[in-house]
Amino acid sequence: MSNEPVSPRNLTHLDDQGRARMVDVSSKPVSLRRAVAEAVVQMAPATLEAISGGAAPKGDVLAAARIAGIHAAKRTSDLIPLCHPLPIDAIDIAIDAVPPNQVRIVASCLVEARTGVEMEAMAAAAVAALTIYDMTKAVDRGMVIGPIRLIEKTGGQSGNWRRDADR
Protein backbone atom coordinates (compact mmCIF):
# COMPACT_ATOMS: atom_id res chain seq x y z
CA MET A 1 0.00 0.00 0.00
CA SER A 2 1.20 3.45 -0.84
CA ASN A 3 0.98 6.48 1.44
CA GLU A 4 0.46 8.75 -1.57
CA PRO A 5 -2.92 10.51 -1.83
CA VAL A 6 -5.50 8.62 -3.86
CA SER A 7 -6.69 10.42 -6.94
CA PRO A 8 -10.48 10.47 -7.39
CA ARG A 9 -9.78 9.11 -10.90
CA ASN A 10 -8.54 5.88 -9.27
CA LEU A 11 -11.71 5.37 -7.24
CA THR A 12 -13.94 3.38 -9.55
CA HIS A 13 -17.06 3.97 -7.46
CA LEU A 14 -16.97 7.71 -8.24
CA ASP A 15 -18.07 9.31 -11.49
CA ASP A 16 -16.33 12.29 -13.15
CA GLN A 17 -18.10 14.69 -10.77
CA GLY A 18 -17.12 12.69 -7.66
CA ARG A 19 -20.58 11.19 -7.13
CA ALA A 20 -21.07 7.61 -6.00
CA ARG A 21 -21.94 5.14 -8.73
CA MET A 22 -22.08 1.41 -9.30
CA VAL A 23 -19.20 0.35 -11.54
CA ASP A 24 -20.22 -0.82 -15.02
CA VAL A 25 -18.81 -4.34 -15.41
CA SER A 26 -20.85 -5.25 -18.51
CA SER A 27 -17.82 -5.29 -20.80
CA LYS A 28 -15.71 -7.50 -18.51
CA PRO A 29 -15.55 -11.20 -19.31
CA VAL A 30 -17.10 -13.72 -16.95
CA SER A 31 -14.36 -15.61 -15.12
CA LEU A 32 -13.91 -17.86 -12.13
CA ARG A 33 -13.16 -15.81 -9.03
CA ARG A 34 -12.41 -16.84 -5.47
CA ALA A 35 -11.82 -14.88 -2.29
CA VAL A 36 -10.81 -15.92 1.21
CA ALA A 37 -11.23 -13.67 4.25
CA GLU A 38 -10.79 -14.12 7.96
CA ALA A 39 -12.06 -12.66 11.20
CA VAL A 40 -10.82 -13.26 14.72
CA VAL A 41 -12.86 -13.04 17.91
CA GLN A 42 -10.88 -12.62 21.11
CA MET A 43 -12.57 -13.62 24.35
CA ALA A 44 -12.01 -14.84 27.87
CA PRO A 45 -10.66 -18.41 28.02
CA ALA A 46 -13.82 -19.51 29.86
CA THR A 47 -15.95 -18.22 26.98
CA LEU A 48 -13.92 -20.23 24.50
CA GLU A 49 -14.34 -23.30 26.70
CA ALA A 50 -18.12 -22.78 26.81
CA ILE A 51 -18.29 -22.41 23.02
CA SER A 52 -16.03 -25.41 22.36
CA GLY A 53 -17.83 -27.59 24.90
CA GLY A 54 -21.31 -26.75 23.63
CA ALA A 55 -22.19 -25.08 26.94
CA ALA A 56 -23.05 -21.60 25.68
CA PRO A 57 -26.44 -20.41 27.00
CA LYS A 58 -27.93 -19.78 23.51
CA GLY A 59 -26.95 -23.14 21.99
CA ASP A 60 -24.54 -24.18 19.25
CA VAL A 61 -22.64 -20.96 18.68
CA LEU A 62 -20.45 -22.22 15.86
CA ALA A 63 -23.35 -23.69 13.86
CA ALA A 64 -25.26 -20.42 14.12
CA ALA A 65 -22.15 -18.45 13.12
CA ARG A 66 -21.59 -20.68 10.07
CA ILE A 67 -25.18 -20.18 8.90
CA ALA A 68 -24.98 -16.43 9.54
CA GLY A 69 -21.77 -16.20 7.51
CA ILE A 70 -23.30 -18.05 4.58
CA HIS A 71 -26.38 -15.84 4.71
CA ALA A 72 -24.25 -12.68 4.85
CA ALA A 73 -22.24 -13.70 1.80
CA LYS A 74 -25.44 -14.28 -0.16
CA ARG A 75 -26.85 -10.88 0.93
CA THR A 76 -23.73 -8.70 0.66
CA SER A 77 -25.19 -6.46 -2.04
CA ASP A 78 -28.04 -5.65 0.37
CA LEU A 79 -25.52 -4.60 3.03
CA ILE A 80 -22.87 -2.78 0.96
CA PRO A 81 -24.60 -0.20 -1.25
CA LEU A 82 -22.41 -0.32 -4.37
CA CYS A 83 -21.74 -4.07 -4.50
CA HIS A 84 -23.06 -6.03 -7.44
CA PRO A 85 -25.38 -8.90 -6.55
CA LEU A 86 -23.49 -12.08 -7.37
CA PRO A 87 -24.69 -15.62 -8.10
CA ILE A 88 -22.31 -17.25 -5.62
CA ASP A 89 -21.48 -20.84 -6.54
CA ALA A 90 -19.92 -21.93 -3.23
CA ILE A 91 -19.39 -20.62 0.28
CA ASP A 92 -17.33 -22.34 2.94
CA ILE A 93 -17.09 -21.12 6.51
CA ALA A 94 -14.41 -22.76 8.67
CA ILE A 95 -14.43 -21.86 12.35
CA ASP A 96 -11.68 -22.99 14.68
CA ALA A 97 -11.03 -22.50 18.38
CA VAL A 98 -7.53 -21.13 18.94
CA PRO A 99 -6.72 -21.68 22.62
CA PRO A 100 -6.53 -20.06 24.99
CA ASN A 101 -8.87 -17.24 23.96
CA GLN A 102 -9.67 -16.88 20.24
CA VAL A 103 -11.98 -18.12 17.55
CA ARG A 104 -10.75 -17.83 13.95
CA ILE A 105 -13.25 -17.70 11.10
CA VAL A 106 -12.15 -18.29 7.51
CA ALA A 107 -14.72 -17.63 4.80
CA SER A 108 -14.17 -18.73 1.19
CA CYS A 109 -16.44 -17.70 -1.66
CA LEU A 110 -16.40 -18.85 -5.28
CA VAL A 111 -18.26 -17.33 -8.22
CA GLU A 112 -18.22 -17.21 -12.01
CA ALA A 113 -18.92 -13.56 -12.66
CA ARG A 114 -17.71 -10.25 -14.09
CA THR A 115 -16.61 -8.87 -10.72
CA GLY A 116 -14.83 -10.16 -7.65
CA VAL A 117 -16.22 -11.86 -4.57
CA GLU A 118 -13.95 -10.26 -1.93
CA MET A 119 -16.72 -8.31 -0.22
CA GLU A 120 -18.83 -11.44 0.08
CA ALA A 121 -16.01 -13.33 1.80
CA MET A 122 -15.32 -10.42 4.16
CA ALA A 123 -19.02 -9.97 4.95
CA ALA A 124 -19.30 -13.69 5.70
CA ALA A 125 -16.35 -13.60 8.12
CA ALA A 126 -17.55 -10.40 9.79
CA VAL A 127 -21.14 -11.53 10.31
CA ALA A 128 -20.03 -14.93 11.59
CA ALA A 129 -17.87 -13.08 14.14
CA LEU A 130 -20.76 -10.80 15.12
CA THR A 131 -22.95 -13.86 15.59
CA ILE A 132 -20.41 -15.39 17.95
CA TYR A 133 -20.45 -12.14 19.91
CA ASP A 134 -24.24 -12.00 19.97
CA MET A 135 -24.63 -15.57 21.16
CA THR A 136 -22.08 -15.26 23.98
CA LYS A 137 -22.31 -11.61 25.04
CA ALA A 138 -24.31 -12.56 28.13
CA VAL A 139 -21.20 -14.25 29.55
CA ASP A 140 -18.47 -12.05 28.00
CA ARG A 141 -19.26 -8.50 26.88
CA GLY A 142 -15.55 -7.72 26.61
CA MET A 143 -14.98 -9.78 23.45
CA VAL A 144 -13.07 -8.05 20.65
CA ILE A 145 -13.68 -8.68 16.97
CA GLY A 146 -10.77 -8.17 14.62
CA PRO A 147 -8.91 -8.12 12.50
CA ILE A 148 -11.28 -8.74 9.63
CA ARG A 149 -9.22 -8.98 6.48
CA LEU A 150 -8.86 -10.38 3.01
CA ILE A 151 -6.39 -13.28 2.87
CA GLU A 152 -6.38 -13.90 -0.87
CA LYS A 153 -8.27 -13.44 -4.10
CA THR A 154 -7.90 -15.15 -7.45
CA GLY A 155 -9.27 -14.45 -10.90
CA GLY A 156 -10.35 -11.36 -12.74
CA GLN A 157 -8.43 -8.71 -14.66
CA SER A 158 -6.32 -7.66 -11.68
CA GLY A 159 -5.09 -11.22 -11.24
CA ASN A 160 -4.23 -13.02 -8.06
CA TRP A 161 -3.39 -11.44 -4.72
CA ARG A 162 -2.31 -12.99 -1.42
CA ARG A 163 -1.67 -11.29 1.91
CA ASP A 164 1.95 -11.47 2.97
CA ALA A 165 2.47 -13.20 6.32
CA ASP A 166 4.14 -10.12 7.77
CA ARG A 167 1.68 -7.56 6.42
C-alpha atoms as a PDB file:
ATOM      1  CA  MET A   1       0.000   0.000   0.000  1.00  0.00           C
ATOM      2  CA  SER A   2       1.200   3.454  -0.843  1.00  0.00           C
ATOM      3  CA  ASN A   3       0.978   6.485   1.437  1.00  0.00           C
ATOM      4  CA  GLU A   4       0.456   8.751  -1.568  1.00  0.00           C
ATOM      5  CA  PRO A   5      -2.915  10.513  -1.831  1.00  0.00           C
ATOM      6  CA  VAL A   6      -5.501   8.620  -3.864  1.00  0.00           C
ATOM      7  CA  SER A   7      -6.694  10.421  -6.942  1.00  0.00           C
ATOM      8  CA  PRO A   8     -10.481  10.471  -7.395  1.00  0.00           C
ATOM      9  CA  ARG A   9      -9.782   9.105 -10.902  1.00  0.00           C
ATOM     10  CA  ASN A  10      -8.540   5.880  -9.272  1.00  0.00           C
ATOM     11  CA  LEU A  11     -11.708   5.374  -7.244  1.00  0.00           C
ATOM     12  CA  THR A  12     -13.938   3.376  -9.548  1.00  0.00           C
ATOM     13  CA  HIS A  13     -17.055   3.973  -7.460  1.00  0.00           C
ATOM     14  CA  LEU A  14     -16.972   7.707  -8.243  1.00  0.00           C
ATOM     15  CA  ASP A  15     -18.069   9.314 -11.494  1.00  0.00           C
ATOM     16  CA  ASP A  16     -16.329  12.293 -13.150  1.00  0.00           C
ATOM     17  CA  GLN A  17     -18.097  14.691 -10.766  1.00  0.00           C
ATOM     18  CA  GLY A  18     -17.115  12.693  -7.664  1.00  0.00           C
ATOM     19  CA  ARG A  19     -20.579  11.192  -7.133  1.00  0.00           C
ATOM     20  CA  ALA A  20     -21.070   7.613  -6.000  1.00  0.00           C
ATOM     21  CA  ARG A  21     -21.940   5.139  -8.727  1.00  0.00           C
ATOM     22  CA  MET A  22     -22.077   1.413  -9.304  1.00  0.00           C
ATOM     23  CA  VAL A  23     -19.195   0.351 -11.540  1.00  0.00           C
ATOM     24  CA  ASP A  24     -20.216  -0.820 -15.024  1.00  0.00           C
ATOM     25  CA  VAL A  25     -18.815  -4.339 -15.414  1.00  0.00           C
ATOM     26  CA  SER A  26     -20.851  -5.250 -18.507  1.00  0.00           C
ATOM     27  CA  SER A  27     -17.816  -5.287 -20.805  1.00  0.00           C
ATOM     28  CA  LYS A  28     -15.713  -7.499 -18.509  1.00  0.00           C
ATOM     29  CA  PRO A  29     -15.547 -11.202 -19.306  1.00  0.00           C
ATOM     30  CA  VAL A  30     -17.099 -13.724 -16.947  1.00  0.00           C
ATOM     31  CA  SER A  31     -14.363 -15.614 -15.122  1.00  0.00           C
ATOM     32  CA  LEU A  32     -13.913 -17.863 -12.129  1.00  0.00           C
ATOM     33  CA  ARG A  33     -13.159 -15.810  -9.032  1.00  0.00           C
ATOM     34  CA  ARG A  34     -12.408 -16.843  -5.474  1.00  0.00           C
ATOM     35  CA  ALA A  35     -11.816 -14.879  -2.286  1.00  0.00           C
ATOM     36  CA  VAL A  36     -10.809 -15.924   1.214  1.00  0.00           C
ATOM     37  CA  ALA A  37     -11.227 -13.670   4.251  1.00  0.00           C
ATOM     38  CA  GLU A  38     -10.789 -14.123   7.963  1.00  0.00           C
ATOM     39  CA  ALA A  39     -12.057 -12.660  11.197  1.00  0.00           C
ATOM     40  CA  VAL A  40     -10.820 -13.265  14.722  1.00  0.00           C
ATOM     41  CA  VAL A  41     -12.863 -13.038  17.907  1.00  0.00           C
ATOM     42  CA  GLN A  42     -10.877 -12.623  21.108  1.00  0.00           C
ATOM     43  CA  MET A  43     -12.569 -13.619  24.353  1.00  0.00           C
ATOM     44  CA  ALA A  44     -12.008 -14.835  27.869  1.00  0.00           C
ATOM     45  CA  PRO A  45     -10.658 -18.407  28.019  1.00  0.00           C
ATOM     46  CA  ALA A  46     -13.822 -19.511  29.865  1.00  0.00           C
ATOM     47  CA  THR A  47     -15.947 -18.217  26.984  1.00  0.00           C
ATOM     48  CA  LEU A  48     -13.920 -20.233  24.496  1.00  0.00           C
ATOM     49  CA  GLU A  49     -14.343 -23.304  26.701  1.00  0.00           C
ATOM     50  CA  ALA A  50     -18.116 -22.783  26.805  1.00  0.00           C
ATOM     51  CA  ILE A  51     -18.290 -22.413  23.018  1.00  0.00           C
ATOM     52  CA  SER A  52     -16.033 -25.409  22.356  1.00  0.00           C
ATOM     53  CA  GLY A  53     -17.829 -27.586  24.901  1.00  0.00           C
ATOM     54  CA  GLY A  54     -21.307 -26.753  23.632  1.00  0.00           C
ATOM     55  CA  ALA A  55     -22.188 -25.083  26.938  1.00  0.00           C
ATOM     56  CA  ALA A  56     -23.052 -21.603  25.676  1.00  0.00           C
ATOM     57  CA  PRO A  57     -26.438 -20.410  26.995  1.00  0.00           C
ATOM     58  CA  LYS A  58     -27.928 -19.781  23.514  1.00  0.00           C
ATOM     59  CA  GLY A  59     -26.950 -23.144  21.995  1.00  0.00           C
ATOM     60  CA  ASP A  60     -24.543 -24.179  19.253  1.00  0.00           C
ATOM     61  CA  VAL A  61     -22.636 -20.956  18.684  1.00  0.00           C
ATOM     62  CA  LEU A  62     -20.453 -22.225  15.862  1.00  0.00           C
ATOM     63  CA  ALA A  63     -23.351 -23.694  13.861  1.00  0.00           C
ATOM     64  CA  ALA A  64     -25.258 -20.420  14.118  1.00  0.00           C
ATOM     65  CA  ALA A  65     -22.150 -18.446  13.120  1.00  0.00           C
ATOM     66  CA  ARG A  66     -21.594 -20.677  10.071  1.00  0.00           C
ATOM     67  CA  ILE A  67     -25.177 -20.182   8.904  1.00  0.00           C
ATOM     68  CA  ALA A  68     -24.985 -16.430   9.543  1.00  0.00           C
ATOM     69  CA  GLY A  69     -21.773 -16.203   7.514  1.00  0.00           C
ATOM     70  CA  ILE A  70     -23.299 -18.049   4.583  1.00  0.00           C
ATOM     71  CA  HIS A  71     -26.379 -15.842   4.706  1.00  0.00           C
ATOM     72  CA  ALA A  72     -24.254 -12.679   4.854  1.00  0.00           C
ATOM     73  CA  ALA A  73     -22.236 -13.700   1.797  1.00  0.00           C
ATOM     74  CA  LYS A  74     -25.444 -14.275  -0.158  1.00  0.00           C
ATOM     75  CA  ARG A  75     -26.852 -10.882   0.930  1.00  0.00           C
ATOM     76  CA  THR A  76     -23.730  -8.703   0.655  1.00  0.00           C
ATOM     77  CA  SER A  77     -25.194  -6.459  -2.041  1.00  0.00           C
ATOM     78  CA  ASP A  78     -28.044  -5.651   0.371  1.00  0.00           C
ATOM     79  CA  LEU A  79     -25.523  -4.599   3.029  1.00  0.00           C
ATOM     80  CA  ILE A  80     -22.869  -2.779   0.957  1.00  0.00           C
ATOM     81  CA  PRO A  81     -24.595  -0.196  -1.246  1.00  0.00           C
ATOM     82  CA  LEU A  82     -22.409  -0.320  -4.374  1.00  0.00           C
ATOM     83  CA  CYS A  83     -21.736  -4.075  -4.501  1.00  0.00           C
ATOM     84  CA  HIS A  84     -23.061  -6.026  -7.438  1.00  0.00           C
ATOM     85  CA  PRO A  85     -25.383  -8.903  -6.545  1.00  0.00           C
ATOM     86  CA  LEU A  86     -23.485 -12.084  -7.369  1.00  0.00           C
ATOM     87  CA  PRO A  87     -24.691 -15.620  -8.100  1.00  0.00           C
ATOM     88  CA  ILE A  88     -22.313 -17.250  -5.622  1.00  0.00           C
ATOM     89  CA  ASP A  89     -21.477 -20.839  -6.536  1.00  0.00           C
ATOM     90  CA  ALA A  90     -19.915 -21.927  -3.234  1.00  0.00           C
ATOM     91  CA  ILE A  91     -19.395 -20.617   0.277  1.00  0.00           C
ATOM     92  CA  ASP A  92     -17.331 -22.339   2.936  1.00  0.00           C
ATOM     93  CA  ILE A  93     -17.091 -21.123   6.506  1.00  0.00           C
ATOM     94  CA  ALA A  94     -14.407 -22.758   8.672  1.00  0.00           C
ATOM     95  CA  ILE A  95     -14.431 -21.857  12.351  1.00  0.00           C
ATOM     96  CA  ASP A  96     -11.681 -22.995  14.683  1.00  0.00           C
ATOM     97  CA  ALA A  97     -11.028 -22.499  18.377  1.00  0.00           C
ATOM     98  CA  VAL A  98      -7.532 -21.133  18.940  1.00  0.00           C
ATOM     99  CA  PRO A  99      -6.722 -21.680  22.624  1.00  0.00           C
ATOM    100  CA  PRO A 100      -6.529 -20.061  24.991  1.00  0.00           C
ATOM    101  CA  ASN A 101      -8.865 -17.237  23.956  1.00  0.00           C
ATOM    102  CA  GLN A 102      -9.674 -16.884  20.238  1.00  0.00           C
ATOM    103  CA  VAL A 103     -11.984 -18.122  17.545  1.00  0.00           C
ATOM    104  CA  ARG A 104     -10.752 -17.826  13.946  1.00  0.00           C
ATOM    105  CA  ILE A 105     -13.252 -17.700  11.096  1.00  0.00           C
ATOM    106  CA  VAL A 106     -12.145 -18.286   7.507  1.00  0.00           C
ATOM    107  CA  ALA A 107     -14.721 -17.625   4.796  1.00  0.00           C
ATOM    108  CA  SER A 108     -14.168 -18.728   1.195  1.00  0.00           C
ATOM    109  CA  CYS A 109     -16.439 -17.696  -1.658  1.00  0.00           C
ATOM    110  CA  LEU A 110     -16.405 -18.850  -5.277  1.00  0.00           C
ATOM    111  CA  VAL A 111     -18.256 -17.330  -8.223  1.00  0.00           C
ATOM    112  CA  GLU A 112     -18.218 -17.209 -12.008  1.00  0.00           C
ATOM    113  CA  ALA A 113     -18.918 -13.557 -12.656  1.00  0.00           C
ATOM    114  CA  ARG A 114     -17.709 -10.255 -14.088  1.00  0.00           C
ATOM    115  CA  THR A 115     -16.613  -8.866 -10.718  1.00  0.00           C
ATOM    116  CA  GLY A 116     -14.833 -10.159  -7.646  1.00  0.00           C
ATOM    117  CA  VAL A 117     -16.218 -11.862  -4.575  1.00  0.00           C
ATOM    118  CA  GLU A 118     -13.949 -10.255  -1.934  1.00  0.00           C
ATOM    119  CA  MET A 119     -16.719  -8.306  -0.224  1.00  0.00           C
ATOM    120  CA  GLU A 120     -18.833 -11.442   0.081  1.00  0.00           C
ATOM    121  CA  ALA A 121     -16.009 -13.326   1.799  1.00  0.00           C
ATOM    122  CA  MET A 122     -15.321 -10.418   4.157  1.00  0.00           C
ATOM    123  CA  ALA A 123     -19.019  -9.968   4.953  1.00  0.00           C
ATOM    124  CA  ALA A 124     -19.301 -13.686   5.700  1.00  0.00           C
ATOM    125  CA  ALA A 125     -16.355 -13.604   8.119  1.00  0.00           C
ATOM    126  CA  ALA A 126     -17.555 -10.402   9.792  1.00  0.00           C
ATOM    127  CA  VAL A 127     -21.140 -11.527  10.309  1.00  0.00           C
ATOM    128  CA  ALA A 128     -20.028 -14.934  11.590  1.00  0.00           C
ATOM    129  CA  ALA A 129     -17.868 -13.076  14.139  1.00  0.00           C
ATOM    130  CA  LEU A 130     -20.760 -10.803  15.119  1.00  0.00           C
ATOM    131  CA  THR A 131     -22.953 -13.862  15.595  1.00  0.00           C
ATOM    132  CA  ILE A 132     -20.411 -15.389  17.954  1.00  0.00           C
ATOM    133  CA  TYR A 133     -20.448 -12.144  19.914  1.00  0.00           C
ATOM    134  CA  ASP A 134     -24.235 -11.999  19.973  1.00  0.00           C
ATOM    135  CA  MET A 135     -24.630 -15.574  21.160  1.00  0.00           C
ATOM    136  CA  THR A 136     -22.076 -15.255  23.978  1.00  0.00           C
ATOM    137  CA  LYS A 137     -22.313 -11.609  25.035  1.00  0.00           C
ATOM    138  CA  ALA A 138     -24.307 -12.563  28.133  1.00  0.00           C
ATOM    139  CA  VAL A 139     -21.197 -14.246  29.547  1.00  0.00           C
ATOM    140  CA  ASP A 140     -18.472 -12.046  28.005  1.00  0.00           C
ATOM    141  CA  ARG A 141     -19.261  -8.504  26.884  1.00  0.00           C
ATOM    142  CA  GLY A 142     -15.548  -7.721  26.614  1.00  0.00           C
ATOM    143  CA  MET A 143     -14.980  -9.778  23.453  1.00  0.00           C
ATOM    144  CA  VAL A 144     -13.072  -8.054  20.652  1.00  0.00           C
ATOM    145  CA  ILE A 145     -13.675  -8.676  16.965  1.00  0.00           C
ATOM    146  CA  GLY A 146     -10.775  -8.171  14.618  1.00  0.00           C
ATOM    147  CA  PRO A 147      -8.905  -8.115  12.504  1.00  0.00           C
ATOM    148  CA  ILE A 148     -11.278  -8.742   9.629  1.00  0.00           C
ATOM    149  CA  ARG A 149      -9.218  -8.979   6.480  1.00  0.00           C
ATOM    150  CA  LEU A 150      -8.857 -10.376   3.010  1.00  0.00           C
ATOM    151  CA  ILE A 151      -6.387 -13.281   2.872  1.00  0.00           C
ATOM    152  CA  GLU A 152      -6.380 -13.899  -0.874  1.00  0.00           C
ATOM    153  CA  LYS A 153      -8.266 -13.440  -4.097  1.00  0.00           C
ATOM    154  CA  THR A 154      -7.902 -15.151  -7.449  1.00  0.00           C
ATOM    155  CA  GLY A 155      -9.271 -14.446 -10.899  1.00  0.00           C
ATOM    156  CA  GLY A 156     -10.353 -11.359 -12.739  1.00  0.00           C
ATOM    157  CA  GLN A 157      -8.430  -8.707 -14.662  1.00  0.00           C
ATOM    158  CA  SER A 158      -6.322  -7.660 -11.678  1.00  0.00           C
ATOM    159  CA  GLY A 159      -5.086 -11.224 -11.241  1.00  0.00           C
ATOM    160  CA  ASN A 160      -4.230 -13.025  -8.057  1.00  0.00           C
ATOM    161  CA  TRP A 161      -3.387 -11.438  -4.721  1.00  0.00           C
ATOM    162  CA  ARG A 162      -2.307 -12.987  -1.418  1.00  0.00           C
ATOM    163  CA  ARG A 163      -1.669 -11.290   1.906  1.00  0.00           C
ATOM    164  CA  ASP A 164       1.951 -11.474   2.974  1.00  0.00           C
ATOM    165  CA  ALA A 165       2.466 -13.202   6.315  1.00  0.00           C
ATOM    166  CA  ASP A 166       4.143 -10.116   7.773  1.00  0.00           C
ATOM    167  CA  ARG A 167       1.685  -7.564   6.418  1.00  0.00           C
END
